[in-house]
N, C-alpha and C. Protein backbone atom coordinates (compact mmCIF):
# COMPACT_ATOMS: atom_id res chain seq x y z
N MET A 1 -93.68 40.17 -180.43
CA MET A 1 -93.64 39.67 -181.75
C MET A 1 -94.35 38.15 -181.79
N LYS A 2 -94.08 37.45 -180.54
CA LYS A 2 -94.42 35.93 -180.57
C LYS A 2 -96.05 36.04 -180.49
N ASP A 3 -96.43 36.91 -179.57
CA ASP A 3 -97.87 37.12 -179.46
C ASP A 3 -98.60 37.53 -180.74
N GLU A 4 -98.18 38.34 -181.48
CA GLU A 4 -98.53 38.54 -182.83
C GLU A 4 -98.64 37.76 -183.79
N ILE A 5 -97.62 36.71 -183.82
CA ILE A 5 -98.04 35.78 -184.90
C ILE A 5 -99.09 34.49 -184.22
N ASN A 6 -99.16 34.60 -182.97
CA ASN A 6 -100.34 33.63 -182.52
C ASN A 6 -101.45 33.90 -182.66
N ASN A 7 -101.86 35.52 -182.59
CA ASN A 7 -102.79 36.17 -182.87
C ASN A 7 -103.39 35.98 -184.19
N ARG A 8 -102.62 36.34 -185.31
CA ARG A 8 -102.44 36.15 -186.73
C ARG A 8 -102.86 34.56 -186.98
N ILE A 9 -102.27 33.59 -186.20
CA ILE A 9 -102.67 32.23 -186.52
C ILE A 9 -103.91 32.04 -186.13
N LEU A 10 -104.43 32.66 -185.09
CA LEU A 10 -105.85 32.44 -184.63
C LEU A 10 -106.87 33.03 -185.56
N GLU A 11 -106.41 34.34 -186.07
CA GLU A 11 -107.34 35.06 -187.07
C GLU A 11 -107.38 34.25 -188.41
N THR A 12 -106.43 33.81 -188.77
CA THR A 12 -106.26 32.89 -189.89
C THR A 12 -107.00 31.62 -189.81
N MET A 13 -106.90 30.91 -188.63
CA MET A 13 -107.87 29.68 -188.59
C MET A 13 -109.24 30.04 -188.68
N PHE A 14 -109.51 31.21 -187.84
CA PHE A 14 -111.28 31.74 -188.04
C PHE A 14 -111.60 31.79 -189.45
N ARG A 15 -110.77 32.53 -189.83
CA ARG A 15 -111.05 32.85 -191.36
C ARG A 15 -111.17 31.92 -192.31
N PHE A 16 -110.36 30.80 -191.99
CA PHE A 16 -110.34 29.46 -192.71
C PHE A 16 -111.60 28.62 -192.58
N PHE A 17 -111.98 28.75 -191.24
CA PHE A 17 -113.21 27.70 -190.98
C PHE A 17 -114.50 28.42 -191.43
N LYS A 18 -114.38 29.95 -191.43
CA LYS A 18 -115.54 30.63 -192.08
C LYS A 18 -115.69 30.18 -193.44
N SER A 19 -114.64 30.44 -194.15
CA SER A 19 -114.42 29.96 -195.68
C SER A 19 -114.76 28.77 -196.09
N VAL A 20 -114.37 27.49 -195.06
CA VAL A 20 -114.71 26.40 -195.53
C VAL A 20 -115.94 25.85 -194.82
N LYS A 21 -116.51 26.45 -194.06
CA LYS A 21 -118.03 26.02 -193.43
C LYS A 21 -118.87 25.90 -194.49
N PRO A 22 -119.18 26.93 -195.75
CA PRO A 22 -120.35 26.49 -196.65
C PRO A 22 -119.94 25.34 -197.75
N THR A 23 -118.68 24.92 -197.60
CA THR A 23 -118.35 23.76 -198.37
C THR A 23 -118.55 22.50 -197.61
N MET A 24 -118.76 22.66 -196.52
CA MET A 24 -118.83 21.41 -195.42
C MET A 24 -120.25 20.90 -195.54
N SER A 25 -121.37 21.81 -195.82
CA SER A 25 -122.64 21.51 -195.54
C SER A 25 -123.13 20.61 -196.72
N PHE A 26 -124.10 20.49 -196.79
CA PHE A 26 -124.67 19.65 -198.04
C PHE A 26 -126.10 19.94 -198.44
N HIS A 27 -125.94 20.01 -199.72
CA HIS A 27 -127.18 20.58 -200.43
C HIS A 27 -127.51 19.58 -201.76
N SER A 28 -128.77 19.16 -201.82
CA SER A 28 -129.31 18.51 -202.97
C SER A 28 -130.54 18.96 -203.18
N LYS A 29 -131.09 18.35 -204.25
CA LYS A 29 -132.47 18.44 -204.96
C LYS A 29 -133.45 18.03 -203.65
N THR A 30 -133.19 17.17 -202.87
CA THR A 30 -133.97 16.59 -201.81
C THR A 30 -133.78 17.02 -200.28
N SER A 31 -132.58 17.34 -200.20
CA SER A 31 -132.14 17.68 -198.80
C SER A 31 -131.05 18.90 -198.56
N ASP A 32 -131.13 19.55 -197.69
CA ASP A 32 -130.31 20.53 -197.09
C ASP A 32 -129.81 20.01 -195.64
N LEU A 33 -128.71 20.02 -195.52
CA LEU A 33 -128.07 19.41 -194.19
C LEU A 33 -127.06 20.70 -193.82
N THR A 34 -127.19 20.82 -192.51
CA THR A 34 -126.05 21.81 -192.08
C THR A 34 -125.12 21.18 -191.61
N MET A 35 -123.78 21.95 -191.64
CA MET A 35 -122.43 21.06 -191.08
C MET A 35 -122.55 20.50 -189.99
N VAL A 36 -123.43 20.69 -188.96
CA VAL A 36 -123.47 20.04 -187.60
C VAL A 36 -124.22 18.83 -187.98
N GLN A 37 -125.47 18.92 -188.48
CA GLN A 37 -126.19 17.47 -188.89
C GLN A 37 -125.60 16.87 -189.74
N PHE A 38 -124.50 17.14 -190.53
CA PHE A 38 -123.89 16.19 -191.66
C PHE A 38 -122.63 15.80 -190.70
N GLU A 39 -122.26 16.29 -189.73
CA GLU A 39 -121.15 15.66 -188.90
C GLU A 39 -122.06 14.78 -187.82
N ALA A 40 -122.90 15.34 -187.55
CA ALA A 40 -123.85 14.23 -186.50
C ALA A 40 -124.11 12.94 -187.25
N LEU A 41 -124.43 12.80 -188.73
CA LEU A 41 -124.75 11.68 -189.31
C LEU A 41 -123.39 10.79 -189.51
N ILE A 42 -122.15 11.54 -189.51
CA ILE A 42 -121.15 10.67 -189.77
C ILE A 42 -120.70 10.18 -188.13
N LEU A 43 -120.99 10.90 -187.44
CA LEU A 43 -120.83 10.31 -186.09
C LEU A 43 -121.76 9.14 -185.59
N ILE A 44 -122.74 9.12 -186.18
CA ILE A 44 -123.78 8.16 -185.86
C ILE A 44 -123.44 6.99 -186.64
N LYS A 45 -122.95 7.26 -187.85
CA LYS A 45 -122.48 6.29 -188.84
C LYS A 45 -121.23 5.25 -188.30
N HIS A 46 -120.32 5.91 -187.85
CA HIS A 46 -119.26 5.26 -187.06
C HIS A 46 -119.61 4.72 -185.68
N ASN A 47 -120.38 5.13 -184.95
CA ASN A 47 -120.89 4.58 -183.75
C ASN A 47 -122.20 4.39 -183.54
N PRO A 48 -122.70 3.39 -184.20
CA PRO A 48 -124.02 2.46 -184.32
C PRO A 48 -124.36 2.41 -182.68
N ASP A 49 -125.75 2.90 -182.30
CA ASP A 49 -126.34 2.66 -181.39
C ASP A 49 -125.72 3.85 -180.11
N ILE A 50 -125.27 5.06 -180.77
CA ILE A 50 -124.72 5.80 -179.79
C ILE A 50 -125.64 6.41 -178.88
N GLN A 51 -125.27 6.97 -177.78
CA GLN A 51 -126.18 7.18 -176.78
C GLN A 51 -126.34 8.84 -176.91
N MET A 52 -127.62 9.33 -176.73
CA MET A 52 -127.69 10.71 -176.87
C MET A 52 -126.61 11.57 -175.90
N LYS A 53 -126.42 11.10 -174.88
CA LYS A 53 -125.26 12.00 -174.04
C LYS A 53 -124.06 11.62 -174.38
N ASP A 54 -123.68 11.01 -175.19
CA ASP A 54 -122.32 10.78 -175.96
C ASP A 54 -122.30 11.73 -177.25
N LEU A 55 -123.48 11.78 -177.75
CA LEU A 55 -123.39 12.79 -178.80
C LEU A 55 -123.42 14.21 -178.39
N ALA A 56 -124.07 14.57 -177.46
CA ALA A 56 -123.96 15.71 -176.57
C ALA A 56 -122.72 16.22 -176.26
N GLU A 57 -122.06 15.22 -175.30
CA GLU A 57 -120.60 15.57 -175.14
C GLU A 57 -119.48 15.75 -176.39
N TYR A 58 -119.77 14.93 -177.47
CA TYR A 58 -118.91 14.93 -178.88
C TYR A 58 -119.14 16.40 -179.09
N PHE A 59 -120.31 16.95 -179.43
CA PHE A 59 -120.58 18.46 -180.03
C PHE A 59 -120.47 19.55 -178.84
N SER A 60 -120.25 18.89 -177.72
CA SER A 60 -119.91 20.01 -176.54
C SER A 60 -121.17 20.86 -176.49
N ILE A 61 -122.24 20.16 -176.44
CA ILE A 61 -123.80 20.87 -176.34
C ILE A 61 -124.49 20.11 -175.11
N THR A 62 -125.75 20.97 -174.86
CA THR A 62 -126.48 20.15 -173.72
C THR A 62 -127.23 19.34 -174.25
N MET A 63 -127.82 18.58 -173.27
CA MET A 63 -128.73 17.34 -173.70
C MET A 63 -130.14 17.94 -174.55
N PRO A 64 -130.80 19.27 -174.32
CA PRO A 64 -131.65 19.62 -175.02
C PRO A 64 -131.34 20.17 -176.51
N SER A 65 -130.06 20.57 -176.41
CA SER A 65 -129.69 20.65 -177.89
C SER A 65 -129.30 19.73 -178.67
N ALA A 66 -128.59 18.43 -177.82
CA ALA A 66 -128.43 17.25 -178.70
C ALA A 66 -130.14 16.78 -179.30
N THR A 67 -130.85 16.71 -178.16
CA THR A 67 -132.20 16.28 -178.68
C THR A 67 -132.54 16.92 -179.69
N SER A 68 -132.47 18.22 -179.85
CA SER A 68 -133.15 19.26 -180.96
C SER A 68 -132.47 18.74 -182.05
N LEU A 69 -131.20 18.49 -182.19
CA LEU A 69 -130.26 18.14 -183.43
C LEU A 69 -130.91 16.65 -183.91
N ILE A 70 -131.13 15.70 -183.11
CA ILE A 70 -131.61 14.68 -183.49
C ILE A 70 -132.86 14.61 -183.88
N ASP A 71 -133.71 15.20 -183.22
CA ASP A 71 -135.16 15.52 -183.63
C ASP A 71 -135.45 15.86 -184.96
N LYS A 72 -134.57 16.60 -185.53
CA LYS A 72 -134.67 17.32 -186.71
C LYS A 72 -134.16 16.18 -187.56
N LEU A 73 -133.09 15.46 -187.26
CA LEU A 73 -132.65 14.23 -188.24
C LEU A 73 -133.43 13.22 -188.29
N ILE A 74 -134.35 12.87 -187.42
CA ILE A 74 -135.61 12.02 -187.25
C ILE A 74 -136.60 12.51 -188.27
N GLU A 75 -137.08 13.92 -187.72
CA GLU A 75 -138.29 14.55 -188.61
C GLU A 75 -137.59 14.58 -190.31
N MET A 76 -136.50 14.69 -190.65
CA MET A 76 -135.99 14.25 -192.07
C MET A 76 -135.73 13.14 -192.51
N LYS A 77 -136.03 12.04 -191.56
CA LYS A 77 -135.89 10.41 -191.66
C LYS A 77 -134.73 9.92 -191.84
N TYR A 78 -133.65 10.54 -191.34
CA TYR A 78 -132.29 10.12 -191.49
C TYR A 78 -131.64 9.26 -190.20
N ALA A 79 -132.61 9.50 -189.26
CA ALA A 79 -131.90 8.75 -188.33
C ALA A 79 -133.29 8.41 -187.25
N ASN A 80 -133.22 7.41 -186.59
CA ASN A 80 -134.14 6.98 -185.38
C ASN A 80 -133.51 6.90 -184.24
N ARG A 81 -134.31 6.97 -183.12
CA ARG A 81 -134.12 6.68 -181.77
C ARG A 81 -134.51 5.48 -181.20
N LYS A 82 -134.07 4.85 -180.36
CA LYS A 82 -134.91 3.78 -179.70
C LYS A 82 -134.17 3.77 -178.21
N ASN A 83 -135.23 3.29 -177.18
CA ASN A 83 -134.97 3.24 -175.85
C ASN A 83 -134.17 1.95 -175.62
N ASP A 84 -132.93 1.79 -174.69
CA ASP A 84 -132.38 0.70 -174.45
C ASP A 84 -133.66 -0.29 -173.63
N ILE A 85 -133.68 -1.45 -173.98
CA ILE A 85 -134.50 -2.56 -173.41
C ILE A 85 -134.53 -2.50 -171.95
N LYS A 86 -133.14 -2.51 -171.48
CA LYS A 86 -132.88 -2.90 -169.84
C LYS A 86 -133.02 -1.58 -169.13
N ASP A 87 -132.90 -0.17 -169.82
CA ASP A 87 -133.14 0.97 -169.13
C ASP A 87 -133.66 2.10 -170.13
N ARG A 88 -134.83 2.36 -169.94
CA ARG A 88 -135.60 3.14 -170.77
C ARG A 88 -135.01 4.41 -170.97
N ARG A 89 -134.09 4.90 -169.92
CA ARG A 89 -133.82 6.21 -169.59
C ARG A 89 -132.59 6.47 -170.89
N ILE A 90 -132.06 5.40 -171.21
CA ILE A 90 -130.79 5.29 -172.34
C ILE A 90 -131.53 5.26 -173.82
N VAL A 91 -131.09 6.31 -174.34
CA VAL A 91 -131.51 6.53 -175.75
C VAL A 91 -130.63 6.38 -176.94
N LYS A 92 -130.84 5.38 -177.74
CA LYS A 92 -129.91 5.26 -178.59
C LYS A 92 -130.28 5.64 -179.99
N ILE A 93 -129.06 6.18 -180.59
CA ILE A 93 -129.56 6.58 -182.10
C ILE A 93 -128.80 5.87 -183.23
N ASN A 94 -129.51 5.80 -184.18
CA ASN A 94 -129.07 5.00 -185.46
C ASN A 94 -129.32 5.82 -186.68
N LEU A 95 -128.88 5.65 -187.76
CA LEU A 95 -129.06 5.90 -189.11
C LEU A 95 -130.17 4.90 -189.72
N THR A 96 -131.08 5.83 -190.41
CA THR A 96 -132.05 5.12 -191.31
C THR A 96 -131.37 4.37 -192.74
N LYS A 97 -132.14 3.77 -193.26
CA LYS A 97 -131.50 3.48 -194.65
C LYS A 97 -131.45 4.81 -195.40
N GLN A 98 -132.44 5.58 -195.34
CA GLN A 98 -132.49 6.82 -196.21
C GLN A 98 -131.00 7.76 -195.76
N GLY A 99 -131.00 7.49 -194.48
CA GLY A 99 -129.97 8.47 -193.87
C GLY A 99 -128.58 7.81 -194.32
N GLU A 100 -128.45 6.84 -194.61
CA GLU A 100 -127.21 6.04 -195.11
C GLU A 100 -126.96 6.49 -196.41
N LYS A 101 -127.99 6.37 -197.14
CA LYS A 101 -128.07 6.65 -198.47
C LYS A 101 -127.56 8.14 -198.75
N LEU A 102 -128.34 8.98 -197.84
CA LEU A 102 -127.89 10.52 -198.28
C LEU A 102 -126.46 10.62 -197.69
N LEU A 103 -126.15 9.98 -196.62
CA LEU A 103 -124.53 10.38 -196.20
C LEU A 103 -123.63 9.93 -197.10
N HIS A 104 -124.02 8.62 -197.74
CA HIS A 104 -123.07 8.32 -198.89
C HIS A 104 -122.72 9.33 -200.13
N GLU A 105 -123.98 10.05 -200.09
CA GLU A 105 -124.09 10.82 -201.32
C GLU A 105 -123.22 12.19 -200.98
N ALA A 106 -123.61 12.62 -199.55
CA ALA A 106 -123.02 13.81 -199.17
C ALA A 106 -121.36 13.74 -198.88
N MET A 107 -120.99 12.46 -198.67
CA MET A 107 -119.67 12.14 -198.47
C MET A 107 -118.89 12.07 -199.85
N LYS A 108 -119.72 11.78 -200.85
CA LYS A 108 -119.08 11.76 -202.04
C LYS A 108 -118.98 13.27 -202.69
N GLN A 109 -119.95 14.32 -202.13
CA GLN A 109 -119.94 15.34 -202.47
C GLN A 109 -118.89 16.36 -201.73
N ARG A 110 -118.82 15.90 -200.70
CA ARG A 110 -117.69 16.78 -199.69
C ARG A 110 -116.29 16.27 -200.31
N GLU A 111 -116.13 14.98 -200.62
CA GLU A 111 -114.77 14.47 -201.24
C GLU A 111 -114.43 15.43 -202.35
N ILE A 112 -115.19 15.57 -203.19
CA ILE A 112 -114.90 16.59 -204.47
C ILE A 112 -114.65 17.85 -204.06
N LYS A 113 -115.38 18.49 -203.09
CA LYS A 113 -115.14 19.70 -202.56
C LYS A 113 -113.85 20.06 -201.91
N ILE A 114 -113.62 19.05 -201.03
CA ILE A 114 -112.20 19.16 -200.35
C ILE A 114 -110.96 19.03 -201.25
N ASN A 115 -111.31 18.06 -202.36
CA ASN A 115 -109.99 17.87 -203.30
C ASN A 115 -109.95 19.07 -204.09
N THR A 116 -110.96 19.95 -204.50
CA THR A 116 -111.02 21.14 -205.29
C THR A 116 -110.39 22.19 -204.33
N LEU A 117 -110.54 22.20 -203.03
CA LEU A 117 -110.12 23.16 -202.04
C LEU A 117 -108.48 23.19 -201.92
N LEU A 118 -108.14 21.67 -201.90
CA LEU A 118 -106.77 21.39 -201.52
C LEU A 118 -105.95 21.15 -202.69
N ALA A 119 -106.68 21.16 -203.86
CA ALA A 119 -105.85 20.94 -205.12
C ALA A 119 -104.54 21.65 -205.50
N SER A 120 -104.37 22.91 -204.73
CA SER A 120 -103.22 23.80 -205.16
C SER A 120 -102.12 23.30 -204.07
N LEU A 121 -102.25 22.21 -203.14
CA LEU A 121 -101.26 21.93 -202.06
C LEU A 121 -100.57 20.59 -202.57
N SER A 122 -99.29 20.60 -202.47
CA SER A 122 -98.63 19.41 -202.86
C SER A 122 -98.92 18.14 -201.56
N ARG A 123 -98.46 17.00 -202.03
CA ARG A 123 -98.86 16.10 -200.95
C ARG A 123 -97.89 16.41 -199.84
N LYS A 124 -96.96 16.87 -200.11
CA LYS A 124 -96.12 16.94 -199.06
C LYS A 124 -96.67 18.13 -197.87
N ASP A 125 -97.37 19.30 -198.66
CA ASP A 125 -97.76 20.44 -197.73
C ASP A 125 -99.28 19.82 -197.19
N LYS A 126 -99.70 18.89 -198.02
CA LYS A 126 -101.04 18.16 -197.20
C LYS A 126 -100.62 17.44 -195.96
N GLU A 127 -99.65 16.68 -196.04
CA GLU A 127 -99.26 16.04 -194.87
C GLU A 127 -98.64 17.12 -193.89
N GLU A 128 -98.01 17.96 -193.93
CA GLU A 128 -97.63 19.09 -193.20
C GLU A 128 -98.72 19.61 -192.51
N LEU A 129 -99.70 20.06 -193.21
CA LEU A 129 -100.89 20.76 -192.59
C LEU A 129 -101.53 19.71 -191.75
N LEU A 130 -101.82 18.65 -192.14
CA LEU A 130 -102.66 17.55 -191.29
C LEU A 130 -101.65 17.41 -189.73
N ARG A 131 -100.41 17.36 -189.98
CA ARG A 131 -99.50 16.99 -188.87
C ARG A 131 -99.64 18.37 -187.82
N ILE A 132 -99.63 19.41 -188.57
CA ILE A 132 -99.82 20.61 -187.73
C ILE A 132 -101.29 20.63 -187.02
N LEU A 133 -102.32 20.55 -187.63
CA LEU A 133 -103.78 20.55 -187.25
C LEU A 133 -103.97 19.32 -186.16
N GLU A 134 -103.48 18.17 -186.29
CA GLU A 134 -103.39 17.13 -185.61
C GLU A 134 -102.64 17.61 -183.99
N THR A 135 -101.45 18.09 -184.36
CA THR A 135 -100.59 18.65 -182.99
C THR A 135 -101.69 19.53 -182.43
N VAL A 136 -101.91 20.46 -182.97
CA VAL A 136 -102.76 21.68 -182.42
C VAL A 136 -104.20 21.27 -181.45
N ILE A 137 -104.71 20.21 -182.35
CA ILE A 137 -105.98 19.43 -181.80
C ILE A 137 -105.44 18.69 -180.58
N GLU A 138 -104.41 17.98 -180.64
CA GLU A 138 -104.02 17.25 -179.35
C GLU A 138 -103.65 18.08 -178.17
N LYS A 139 -102.98 19.18 -178.41
CA LYS A 139 -102.60 20.12 -177.26
C LYS A 139 -103.93 20.67 -176.93
N THR A 140 -104.80 21.05 -177.66
CA THR A 140 -106.18 21.67 -177.15
C THR A 140 -106.88 20.53 -176.14
N GLU A 141 -106.91 19.33 -176.79
CA GLU A 141 -107.64 18.42 -176.10
C GLU A 141 -107.35 18.16 -174.61
N ASN A 142 -106.08 18.12 -174.64
CA ASN A 142 -105.00 17.98 -173.49
C ASN A 142 -105.07 19.07 -172.41
N TYR A 143 -105.41 20.31 -172.87
CA TYR A 143 -105.28 21.51 -172.45
C TYR A 143 -106.66 21.62 -171.45
N GLU A 144 -107.88 21.01 -172.38
CA GLU A 144 -109.07 21.03 -171.65
C GLU A 144 -109.29 20.13 -170.62
N LYS A 145 -108.25 19.20 -170.30
CA LYS A 145 -108.43 18.29 -169.26
C LYS A 145 -107.84 18.58 -167.87
């Protein structure tokens, strides 16, 4: 019985993320961002001069995959990279003005989507959902160490 409920939780979490994924990407007349690209812009915004290795670690991807992700954002003119003055092996990533503008627009759109998605939940239910998710994340992060 215990395993059955755990399996149902995992299956439901998978279905939840699958159903939410399309709402977490960003589409406008001028740009399309995948969920990962969108999250990368948020990460860069909150961590100016983030190093490529930290970005790869955050997303649990290889350095070549992180480079590919950033190359695409640079190609779209939303991010730029610069080498550290003291150590050219260190690559720092920042948002461009265009990237900041797009991120602001995307964040507003995401807020509307998530508000619509969670509109049927009471404040108490939202707080409980948040508490449960944070607990699971904490346990997962500690489990991996």
